[in-house]
Amino acid sequence: MYYYIDLSDIDSFDWDDGNRSKNEAKHSVSNKESEEVFFNRPIFFFTDQKHSDIEQRILVYGKTDSSRHLTLVFTRRTNKIRIISVRDMNKKERTKYEELKTNA
């Protein structure tokens, strides 16, 4: 199930050099678009237990300013958000997002 994360103490985004251009090249999602998801509602957070061996990774369903629906994986680094991956939601994720939005 999804949960709420208080991001009020976040002051910036931290981009790994390897991921800085990977998401745009592979999924046509710019860094700016990725960051927009965190400022739009609704947004849903899930624990990414499968990939949280070393550090907690969080899965996000959200949308950009242009209503593009994205799935992101990120981790917190003190007061920064470090986006690991981002892509368009698949059909199953989009259906779940719409259900959660209706019931939120």
C-alpha atoms as a PDB file:
ATOM      1  CA  MET A   1       0.000   0.000   0.000  1.00  0.00           C
ATOM      2  CA  TYR A   2       1.078   3.545  -0.555  1.00  0.00           C
ATOM      3  CA  TYR A   3       2.049   5.981   2.164  1.00  0.00           C
ATOM      4  CA  TYR A   4       2.842   9.669   2.672  1.00  0.00           C
ATOM      5  CA  ILE A   5       6.361  11.044   2.878  1.00  0.00           C
ATOM      6  CA  ASP A   6       7.032  14.460   4.325  1.00  0.00           C
ATOM      7  CA  LEU A   7       9.445  16.123   1.925  1.00  0.00           C
ATOM      8  CA  SER A   8       9.289  19.581   3.490  1.00  0.00           C
ATOM      9  CA  ASP A   9      12.945  19.354   4.533  1.00  0.00           C
ATOM     10  CA  ILE A  10      14.146  18.614   0.988  1.00  0.00           C
ATOM     11  CA  ASP A  11      16.018  21.515  -0.548  1.00  0.00           C
ATOM     12  CA  SER A  12      17.372  20.096  -3.807  1.00  0.00           C
ATOM     13  CA  PHE A  13      17.824  17.175  -6.153  1.00  0.00           C
ATOM     14  CA  ASP A  14      21.059  15.211  -6.383  1.00  0.00           C
ATOM     15  CA  TRP A  15      21.780  13.650  -9.764  1.00  0.00           C
ATOM     16  CA  ASP A  16      24.220  10.790 -10.222  1.00  0.00           C
ATOM     17  CA  ASP A  17      26.418  11.492 -13.243  1.00  0.00           C
ATOM     18  CA  GLY A  18      25.504   8.103 -14.721  1.00  0.00           C
ATOM     19  CA  ASN A  19      21.758   8.690 -14.336  1.00  0.00           C
ATOM     20  CA  ARG A  20      21.799  12.355 -15.349  1.00  0.00           C
ATOM     21  CA  SER A  21      21.435  11.561 -19.047  1.00  0.00           C
ATOM     22  CA  LYS A  22      20.376   7.890 -18.903  1.00  0.00           C
ATOM     23  CA  ASN A  23      16.702   8.551 -18.169  1.00  0.00           C
ATOM     24  CA  GLU A  24      16.419  11.052 -20.996  1.00  0.00           C
ATOM     25  CA  ALA A  25      18.241   8.834 -23.487  1.00  0.00           C
ATOM     26  CA  LYS A  26      16.434   5.638 -22.540  1.00  0.00           C
ATOM     27  CA  HIS A  27      12.938   6.917 -21.641  1.00  0.00           C
ATOM     28  CA  SER A  28      12.809  10.487 -23.054  1.00  0.00           C
ATOM     29  CA  VAL A  29      12.238  11.947 -19.581  1.00  0.00           C
ATOM     30  CA  SER A  30      14.209  15.082 -18.757  1.00  0.00           C
ATOM     31  CA  ASN A  31      15.551  15.838 -15.305  1.00  0.00           C
ATOM     32  CA  LYS A  32      13.177  18.817 -15.078  1.00  0.00           C
ATOM     33  CA  GLU A  33      10.162  16.592 -15.835  1.00  0.00           C
ATOM     34  CA  SER A  34      11.320  14.082 -13.226  1.00  0.00           C
ATOM     35  CA  GLU A  35      11.545  16.786 -10.575  1.00  0.00           C
ATOM     36  CA  GLU A  36       8.060  18.150 -11.411  1.00  0.00           C
ATOM     37  CA  VAL A  37       6.460  14.950 -10.102  1.00  0.00           C
ATOM     38  CA  PHE A  38       7.361  15.928  -6.538  1.00  0.00           C
ATOM     39  CA  PHE A  39       5.451  19.221  -6.784  1.00  0.00           C
ATOM     40  CA  ASN A  40       2.216  17.881  -8.285  1.00  0.00           C
ATOM     41  CA  ARG A  41      -0.663  16.029  -6.677  1.00  0.00           C
ATOM     42  CA  PRO A  42      -1.715  13.362  -6.356  1.00  0.00           C
ATOM     43  CA  ILE A  43       1.548  11.564  -5.714  1.00  0.00           C
ATOM     44  CA  PHE A  44       1.830   8.079  -4.239  1.00  0.00           C
ATOM     45  CA  PHE A  45       4.874   6.556  -2.501  1.00  0.00           C
ATOM     46  CA  PHE A  46       5.635   2.860  -2.047  1.00  0.00           C
ATOM     47  CA  THR A  47       8.534   1.038  -0.429  1.00  0.00           C
ATOM     48  CA  ASP A  48      10.726  -0.587  -3.057  1.00  0.00           C
ATOM     49  CA  GLN A  49      11.727  -3.548  -0.899  1.00  0.00           C
ATOM     50  CA  LYS A  50      13.114  -5.524  -3.810  1.00  0.00           C
ATOM     51  CA  HIS A  51      15.833  -2.911  -4.424  1.00  0.00           C
ATOM     52  CA  SER A  52      16.399  -1.578  -0.898  1.00  0.00           C
ATOM     53  CA  ASP A  53      19.301  -3.800   0.153  1.00  0.00           C
ATOM     54  CA  ILE A  54      21.890  -1.060   0.662  1.00  0.00           C
ATOM     55  CA  GLU A  55      19.631   1.981   1.133  1.00  0.00           C
ATOM     56  CA  GLN A  56      15.891   2.550   1.215  1.00  0.00           C
ATOM     57  CA  ARG A  57      14.514   3.094  -2.256  1.00  0.00           C
ATOM     58  CA  ILE A  58      11.083   4.554  -2.763  1.00  0.00           C
ATOM     59  CA  LEU A  59       8.816   3.960  -5.744  1.00  0.00           C
ATOM     60  CA  VAL A  60       6.641   6.889  -6.833  1.00  0.00           C
ATOM     61  CA  TYR A  61       3.612   7.277  -9.077  1.00  0.00           C
ATOM     62  CA  GLY A  62       2.995  10.861 -10.086  1.00  0.00           C
ATOM     63  CA  LYS A  63       2.539  13.322 -12.903  1.00  0.00           C
ATOM     64  CA  THR A  64       4.403  16.208 -14.480  1.00  0.00           C
ATOM     65  CA  ASP A  65       3.187  19.746 -15.105  1.00  0.00           C
ATOM     66  CA  SER A  66       1.971  18.570 -18.526  1.00  0.00           C
ATOM     67  CA  SER A  67       0.123  15.605 -16.905  1.00  0.00           C
ATOM     68  CA  ARG A  68       2.600  13.015 -18.127  1.00  0.00           C
ATOM     69  CA  HIS A  69       2.278  10.036 -15.779  1.00  0.00           C
ATOM     70  CA  LEU A  70       5.634   8.781 -14.533  1.00  0.00           C
ATOM     71  CA  THR A  71       7.013   6.049 -12.307  1.00  0.00           C
ATOM     72  CA  LEU A  72      10.160   7.014 -10.414  1.00  0.00           C
ATOM     73  CA  VAL A  73      12.529   5.335  -8.024  1.00  0.00           C
ATOM     74  CA  PHE A  74      14.459   7.560  -5.653  1.00  0.00           C
ATOM     75  CA  THR A  75      16.352   7.598  -2.404  1.00  0.00           C
ATOM     76  CA  ARG A  76      16.864  10.337   0.160  1.00  0.00           C
ATOM     77  CA  ARG A  77      20.339  11.640   0.816  1.00  0.00           C
ATOM     78  CA  THR A  78      19.957  13.847   3.905  1.00  0.00           C
ATOM     79  CA  ASN A  79      17.994  16.824   2.546  1.00  0.00           C
ATOM     80  CA  LYS A  80      18.229  15.845  -1.125  1.00  0.00           C
ATOM     81  CA  ILE A  81      16.239  13.630  -3.447  1.00  0.00           C
ATOM     82  CA  ARG A  82      18.375  11.379  -5.627  1.00  0.00           C
ATOM     83  CA  ILE A  83      16.349  10.054  -8.547  1.00  0.00           C
ATOM     84  CA  ILE A  84      17.609   6.659  -9.625  1.00  0.00           C
ATOM     85  CA  SER A  85      15.254   5.910 -12.500  1.00  0.00           C
ATOM     86  CA  VAL A  86      12.197   7.362 -14.184  1.00  0.00           C
ATOM     87  CA  ARG A  87       9.962   6.261 -17.033  1.00  0.00           C
ATOM     88  CA  ASP A  88       6.375   6.476 -18.253  1.00  0.00           C
ATOM     89  CA  MET A  89       3.898   4.451 -16.212  1.00  0.00           C
ATOM     90  CA  ASN A  90       2.948   1.145 -17.767  1.00  0.00           C
ATOM     91  CA  LYS A  91      -0.705   0.179 -18.155  1.00  0.00           C
ATOM     92  CA  LYS A  92      -0.881  -1.663 -14.815  1.00  0.00           C
ATOM     93  CA  GLU A  93       0.723   1.248 -12.937  1.00  0.00           C
ATOM     94  CA  ARG A  94      -1.556   3.787 -14.629  1.00  0.00           C
ATOM     95  CA  THR A  95      -4.617   1.742 -13.627  1.00  0.00           C
ATOM     96  CA  LYS A  96      -3.385   1.559 -10.031  1.00  0.00           C
ATOM     97  CA  TYR A  97      -2.633   5.306 -10.012  1.00  0.00           C
ATOM     98  CA  GLU A  98      -6.156   6.097 -11.216  1.00  0.00           C
ATOM     99  CA  GLU A  99      -7.671   3.772  -8.581  1.00  0.00           C
ATOM    100  CA  LEU A 100      -5.602   5.361  -5.811  1.00  0.00           C
ATOM    101  CA  LYS A 101      -6.478   8.840  -7.047  1.00  0.00           C
ATOM    102  CA  THR A 102     -10.185   7.993  -6.955  1.00  0.00           C
ATOM    103  CA  ASN A 103      -9.973   6.550  -3.433  1.00  0.00           C
ATOM    104  CA  ALA A 104      -7.552   9.089  -1.943  1.00  0.00           C
END
